[in-house]
Amino acid sequence: MPKVGTGEIILIIAVLVLFFGSRKLPELARSIGKSARELRKGLAGDDDDEDGDQEKDQDRSDDVD
């Protein structure tokens, strides 16, 4: 993966400001942060659901006996 230095970061920020405008950047950053948070919650929720499914299956097998 290529290394990104200070100069490249400044160039990327400048292009973003020119493309989106200074008023839209905070809103854009917030929406990206919310999306990342929802993605992490969703991925963590999938792990929890798998554990819950196993417990439900075990409970069902206990009820059959």
C-alpha atoms as a PDB file:
ATOM      1  CA  MET A   1       0.000   0.000   0.000  1.00  0.00           C
ATOM      2  CA  PRO A   2       1.456   3.386  -0.912  1.00  0.00           C
ATOM      3  CA  LYS A   3       2.479   5.713   1.860  1.00  0.00           C
ATOM      4  CA  VAL A   4       0.499   8.937   2.098  1.00  0.00           C
ATOM      5  CA  GLY A   5       2.523  11.863   3.347  1.00  0.00           C
ATOM      6  CA  THR A   6       1.600  15.286   4.623  1.00  0.00           C
ATOM      7  CA  GLY A   7       1.716  16.844   1.167  1.00  0.00           C
ATOM      8  CA  GLU A   8      -0.676  14.302  -0.269  1.00  0.00           C
ATOM      9  CA  ILE A   9      -3.112  14.755   2.619  1.00  0.00           C
ATOM     10  CA  ILE A  10      -3.101  18.531   2.134  1.00  0.00           C
ATOM     11  CA  LEU A  11      -3.712  18.054  -1.595  1.00  0.00           C
ATOM     12  CA  ILE A  12      -6.622  15.674  -0.937  1.00  0.00           C
ATOM     13  CA  ILE A  13      -8.186  18.113   1.541  1.00  0.00           C
ATOM     14  CA  ALA A  14      -7.797  20.990  -0.916  1.00  0.00           C
ATOM     15  CA  VAL A  15      -9.490  18.991  -3.677  1.00  0.00           C
ATOM     16  CA  LEU A  16     -12.331  18.039  -1.306  1.00  0.00           C
ATOM     17  CA  VAL A  17     -12.859  21.682  -0.318  1.00  0.00           C
ATOM     18  CA  LEU A  18     -12.933  22.725  -3.974  1.00  0.00           C
ATOM     19  CA  PHE A  19     -15.233  19.877  -4.965  1.00  0.00           C
ATOM     20  CA  PHE A  20     -17.730  19.913  -2.079  1.00  0.00           C
ATOM     21  CA  GLY A  21     -17.279  23.387  -0.637  1.00  0.00           C
ATOM     22  CA  SER A  22     -16.394  24.296   2.917  1.00  0.00           C
ATOM     23  CA  ARG A  23     -20.022  24.244   4.111  1.00  0.00           C
ATOM     24  CA  LYS A  24     -20.719  20.676   2.989  1.00  0.00           C
ATOM     25  CA  LEU A  25     -17.529  19.069   4.372  1.00  0.00           C
ATOM     26  CA  PRO A  26     -18.657  18.808   8.035  1.00  0.00           C
ATOM     27  CA  GLU A  27     -21.975  17.336   6.921  1.00  0.00           C
ATOM     28  CA  LEU A  28     -20.156  14.882   4.650  1.00  0.00           C
ATOM     29  CA  ALA A  29     -17.783  13.851   7.451  1.00  0.00           C
ATOM     30  CA  ARG A  30     -20.721  13.321   9.832  1.00  0.00           C
ATOM     31  CA  SER A  31     -22.561  11.133   7.354  1.00  0.00           C
ATOM     32  CA  ILE A  32     -19.436   9.042   6.700  1.00  0.00           C
ATOM     33  CA  GLY A  33     -18.951   8.635  10.450  1.00  0.00           C
ATOM     34  CA  LYS A  34     -22.575   7.573  10.940  1.00  0.00           C
ATOM     35  CA  SER A  35     -22.281   5.084   8.098  1.00  0.00           C
ATOM     36  CA  ALA A  36     -19.100   3.594   9.558  1.00  0.00           C
ATOM     37  CA  ARG A  37     -20.735   3.364  12.995  1.00  0.00           C
ATOM     38  CA  GLU A  38     -23.805   1.621  11.549  1.00  0.00           C
ATOM     39  CA  LEU A  39     -21.572  -0.788   9.634  1.00  0.00           C
ATOM     40  CA  ARG A  40     -19.671  -1.695  12.809  1.00  0.00           C
ATOM     41  CA  LYS A  41     -22.947  -2.140  14.710  1.00  0.00           C
ATOM     42  CA  GLY A  42     -24.279  -4.328  11.933  1.00  0.00           C
ATOM     43  CA  LEU A  43     -21.175  -6.475  11.852  1.00  0.00           C
ATOM     44  CA  ALA A  44     -21.182  -6.792  15.639  1.00  0.00           C
ATOM     45  CA  GLY A  45     -24.892  -7.590  15.511  1.00  0.00           C
ATOM     46  CA  ASP A  46     -24.245 -10.441  13.072  1.00  0.00           C
ATOM     47  CA  ASP A  47     -21.819 -11.992  15.537  1.00  0.00           C
ATOM     48  CA  ASP A  48     -24.360 -11.651  18.350  1.00  0.00           C
ATOM     49  CA  ASP A  49     -27.119 -13.128  16.186  1.00  0.00           C
ATOM     50  CA  GLU A  50     -25.031 -16.206  15.419  1.00  0.00           C
ATOM     51  CA  ASP A  51     -24.490 -16.819  19.131  1.00  0.00           C
ATOM     52  CA  GLY A  52     -28.178 -16.282  19.783  1.00  0.00           C
ATOM     53  CA  ASP A  53     -29.134 -18.734  17.032  1.00  0.00           C
ATOM     54  CA  GLN A  54     -26.943 -21.411  18.559  1.00  0.00           C
ATOM     55  CA  GLU A  55     -28.533 -20.864  21.959  1.00  0.00           C
ATOM     56  CA  LYS A  56     -32.024 -21.054  20.429  1.00  0.00           C
ATOM     57  CA  ASP A  57     -31.126 -24.293  18.645  1.00  0.00           C
ATOM     58  CA  GLN A  58     -29.822 -25.734  21.901  1.00  0.00           C
ATOM     59  CA  ASP A  59     -32.997 -24.673  23.725  1.00  0.00           C
ATOM     60  CA  ARG A  60     -35.128 -26.343  21.046  1.00  0.00           C
ATOM     61  CA  SER A  61     -33.220 -29.613  21.387  1.00  0.00           C
ATOM     62  CA  ASP A  62     -33.690 -29.463  25.168  1.00  0.00           C
ATOM     63  CA  ASP A  63     -37.452 -28.975  24.720  1.00  0.00           C
ATOM     64  CA  VAL A  64     -37.731 -32.049  22.492  1.00  0.00           C
ATOM     65  CA  ASP A  65     -36.366 -34.386  25.181  1.00  0.00           C
END
